[in-house]
Amino acid sequence: MCGLTQSDEELQTLRKIFTKLDTDKNGYITEDEIEVGMADLIGKFSSILGHDPDWKSILRSLDTDKDRRLDYNEFLSAATNRVKLLNDENLRVAFQVLDKNGDGKVSA
């Protein structure tokens, strides 16, 4: 047994994502870093989405101290707070990804 719980593994994964997005390694994810980083992380899905998500707006909505950047605690809070993540815009984008033929339905 490796000794890691599911949440330990999730935290390690989230730390890796944060570190990858924080390209200048200053402890914050800026608007530019999130745009570039998310394009790299989900670039292959952009054609499915039909548009590029507005990552700057998403960052601003998660930025609790309104300094236009995410520190690790804000990032972690957003990533682990399912209610914040499950807003109308994110659900709409997720639905569009699953609705591959654009008929307004998700099928097996």
C-alpha atoms as a PDB file:
ATOM      1  CA  MET A   1       0.000   0.000   0.000  1.00  0.00           C
ATOM      2  CA  CYS A   2       1.457   3.358  -0.981  1.00  0.00           C
ATOM      3  CA  GLY A   3      -0.144   5.276   1.899  1.00  0.00           C
ATOM      4  CA  LEU A   4      -1.788   7.966  -0.242  1.00  0.00           C
ATOM      5  CA  THR A   5      -5.509   8.531   0.036  1.00  0.00           C
ATOM      6  CA  GLN A   6      -7.613   9.638  -2.887  1.00  0.00           C
ATOM      7  CA  SER A   7      -7.549  13.215  -1.622  1.00  0.00           C
ATOM      8  CA  ASP A   8      -3.748  13.083  -1.191  1.00  0.00           C
ATOM      9  CA  GLU A   9      -3.473  12.005  -4.819  1.00  0.00           C
ATOM     10  CA  GLU A  10      -5.894  14.734  -5.892  1.00  0.00           C
ATOM     11  CA  LEU A  11      -3.884  17.342  -3.976  1.00  0.00           C
ATOM     12  CA  GLN A  12      -0.671  16.165  -5.637  1.00  0.00           C
ATOM     13  CA  THR A  13      -2.330  16.389  -9.041  1.00  0.00           C
ATOM     14  CA  LEU A  14      -3.656  19.873  -8.288  1.00  0.00           C
ATOM     15  CA  ARG A  15      -0.199  20.979  -7.105  1.00  0.00           C
ATOM     16  CA  LYS A  16       1.303  19.713 -10.381  1.00  0.00           C
ATOM     17  CA  ILE A  17      -1.318  21.599 -12.411  1.00  0.00           C
ATOM     18  CA  PHE A  18      -0.730  24.795 -10.425  1.00  0.00           C
ATOM     19  CA  THR A  19       3.036  24.471 -10.850  1.00  0.00           C
ATOM     20  CA  LYS A  20       2.644  23.898 -14.593  1.00  0.00           C
ATOM     21  CA  LEU A  21       0.394  26.941 -14.982  1.00  0.00           C
ATOM     22  CA  ASP A  22       2.661  29.180 -12.847  1.00  0.00           C
ATOM     23  CA  THR A  23       5.334  29.460 -15.523  1.00  0.00           C
ATOM     24  CA  ASP A  24       7.332  32.263 -13.881  1.00  0.00           C
ATOM     25  CA  LYS A  25       7.281  30.342 -10.562  1.00  0.00           C
ATOM     26  CA  ASN A  26       6.275  33.369  -8.479  1.00  0.00           C
ATOM     27  CA  GLY A  27       3.491  31.535  -6.627  1.00  0.00           C
ATOM     28  CA  TYR A  28       0.639  33.044  -8.635  1.00  0.00           C
ATOM     29  CA  ILE A  29      -1.260  32.195 -11.803  1.00  0.00           C
ATOM     30  CA  THR A  30      -1.785  35.358 -13.821  1.00  0.00           C
ATOM     31  CA  GLU A  31      -4.360  35.983 -16.528  1.00  0.00           C
ATOM     32  CA  ASP A  32      -1.746  35.459 -19.244  1.00  0.00           C
ATOM     33  CA  GLU A  33      -0.437  32.269 -17.619  1.00  0.00           C
ATOM     34  CA  ILE A  34      -3.913  30.763 -17.353  1.00  0.00           C
ATOM     35  CA  GLU A  35      -4.715  31.559 -20.992  1.00  0.00           C
ATOM     36  CA  VAL A  36      -1.494  30.012 -22.295  1.00  0.00           C
ATOM     37  CA  GLY A  37      -1.496  27.114 -19.835  1.00  0.00           C
ATOM     38  CA  MET A  38      -5.088  26.104 -20.372  1.00  0.00           C
ATOM     39  CA  ALA A  39      -4.642  26.325 -24.133  1.00  0.00           C
ATOM     40  CA  ASP A  40      -1.771  23.848 -23.741  1.00  0.00           C
ATOM     41  CA  LEU A  41      -3.701  21.588 -21.358  1.00  0.00           C
ATOM     42  CA  ILE A  42      -6.941  21.431 -23.359  1.00  0.00           C
ATOM     43  CA  GLY A  43      -5.795  22.536 -26.778  1.00  0.00           C
ATOM     44  CA  LYS A  44      -6.935  19.324 -28.391  1.00  0.00           C
ATOM     45  CA  PHE A  45     -10.484  19.960 -27.163  1.00  0.00           C
ATOM     46  CA  SER A  46     -10.786  23.538 -28.421  1.00  0.00           C
ATOM     47  CA  SER A  47     -12.381  22.451 -31.696  1.00  0.00           C
ATOM     48  CA  ILE A  48     -14.993  20.482 -29.749  1.00  0.00           C
ATOM     49  CA  LEU A  49     -15.814  23.536 -27.625  1.00  0.00           C
ATOM     50  CA  GLY A  50     -16.399  25.619 -30.719  1.00  0.00           C
ATOM     51  CA  HIS A  51     -14.838  28.614 -29.006  1.00  0.00           C
ATOM     52  CA  ASP A  52     -12.075  29.399 -26.595  1.00  0.00           C
ATOM     53  CA  PRO A  53     -13.312  29.706 -23.012  1.00  0.00           C
ATOM     54  CA  ASP A  54     -12.690  33.142 -21.505  1.00  0.00           C
ATOM     55  CA  TRP A  55     -10.013  32.028 -19.051  1.00  0.00           C
ATOM     56  CA  LYS A  56      -9.403  35.587 -17.860  1.00  0.00           C
ATOM     57  CA  SER A  57     -13.042  35.887 -16.785  1.00  0.00           C
ATOM     58  CA  ILE A  58     -12.884  32.488 -15.138  1.00  0.00           C
ATOM     59  CA  LEU A  59      -9.735  33.524 -13.253  1.00  0.00           C
ATOM     60  CA  ARG A  60     -11.397  36.774 -12.147  1.00  0.00           C
ATOM     61  CA  SER A  61     -14.417  34.884 -10.823  1.00  0.00           C
ATOM     62  CA  LEU A  62     -12.143  32.621  -8.743  1.00  0.00           C
ATOM     63  CA  ASP A  63      -9.853  35.446  -7.568  1.00  0.00           C
ATOM     64  CA  THR A  64     -11.221  36.065  -4.076  1.00  0.00           C
ATOM     65  CA  ASP A  65      -8.868  38.928  -3.174  1.00  0.00           C
ATOM     66  CA  LYS A  66      -9.376  40.582  -6.598  1.00  0.00           C
ATOM     67  CA  ASP A  67      -5.674  41.058  -7.373  1.00  0.00           C
ATOM     68  CA  ARG A  68      -6.168  39.559 -10.874  1.00  0.00           C
ATOM     69  CA  ARG A  69      -4.104  36.478 -10.100  1.00  0.00           C
ATOM     70  CA  LEU A  70      -4.630  33.206  -8.267  1.00  0.00           C
ATOM     71  CA  ASP A  71      -2.448  32.104  -5.414  1.00  0.00           C
ATOM     72  CA  TYR A  72      -2.326  28.412  -4.563  1.00  0.00           C
ATOM     73  CA  ASN A  73      -5.020  28.716  -1.876  1.00  0.00           C
ATOM     74  CA  GLU A  74      -7.460  30.381  -4.299  1.00  0.00           C
ATOM     75  CA  PHE A  75      -6.640  27.764  -6.938  1.00  0.00           C
ATOM     76  CA  LEU A  76      -7.077  24.925  -4.454  1.00  0.00           C
ATOM     77  CA  SER A  77     -10.310  26.382  -3.098  1.00  0.00           C
ATOM     78  CA  ALA A  78     -11.744  26.699  -6.613  1.00  0.00           C
ATOM     79  CA  ALA A  79     -10.593  23.234  -7.646  1.00  0.00           C
ATOM     80  CA  THR A  80     -12.046  21.564  -4.567  1.00  0.00           C
ATOM     81  CA  ASN A  81     -15.209  23.652  -4.319  1.00  0.00           C
ATOM     82  CA  ARG A  82     -17.526  21.821  -6.684  1.00  0.00           C
ATOM     83  CA  VAL A  83     -20.299  24.390  -6.224  1.00  0.00           C
ATOM     84  CA  LYS A  84     -18.118  27.192  -7.606  1.00  0.00           C
ATOM     85  CA  LEU A  85     -16.971  25.041 -10.500  1.00  0.00           C
ATOM     86  CA  LEU A  86     -20.475  23.914 -11.393  1.00  0.00           C
ATOM     87  CA  ASN A  87     -21.746  27.282 -12.528  1.00  0.00           C
ATOM     88  CA  ASP A  88     -23.951  27.778 -15.584  1.00  0.00           C
ATOM     89  CA  GLU A  89     -21.095  28.678 -17.961  1.00  0.00           C
ATOM     90  CA  ASN A  90     -18.929  25.696 -17.002  1.00  0.00           C
ATOM     91  CA  LEU A  91     -21.903  23.339 -17.237  1.00  0.00           C
ATOM     92  CA  ARG A  92     -22.823  24.747 -20.653  1.00  0.00           C
ATOM     93  CA  VAL A  93     -19.272  24.227 -21.928  1.00  0.00           C
ATOM     94  CA  ALA A  94     -19.187  20.685 -20.519  1.00  0.00           C
ATOM     95  CA  PHE A  95     -22.521  19.912 -22.172  1.00  0.00           C
ATOM     96  CA  GLN A  96     -21.246  21.228 -25.516  1.00  0.00           C
ATOM     97  CA  VAL A  97     -18.230  18.941 -25.253  1.00  0.00           C
ATOM     98  CA  LEU A  98     -20.500  15.941 -24.683  1.00  0.00           C
ATOM     99  CA  ASP A  99     -23.066  16.965 -27.320  1.00  0.00           C
ATOM    100  CA  LYS A 100     -20.769  16.074 -30.207  1.00  0.00           C
ATOM    101  CA  ASN A 101     -23.343  16.339 -32.984  1.00  0.00           C
ATOM    102  CA  GLY A 102     -24.920  19.547 -31.686  1.00  0.00           C
ATOM    103  CA  ASP A 103     -28.468  18.191 -31.425  1.00  0.00           C
ATOM    104  CA  GLY A 104     -28.969  19.400 -27.849  1.00  0.00           C
ATOM    105  CA  LYS A 105     -28.843  15.877 -26.447  1.00  0.00           C
ATOM    106  CA  VAL A 106     -26.149  13.727 -24.890  1.00  0.00           C
ATOM    107  CA  SER A 107     -26.269  10.119 -25.989  1.00  0.00           C
ATOM    108  CA  ALA A 108     -24.239   7.070 -25.111  1.00  0.00           C
END
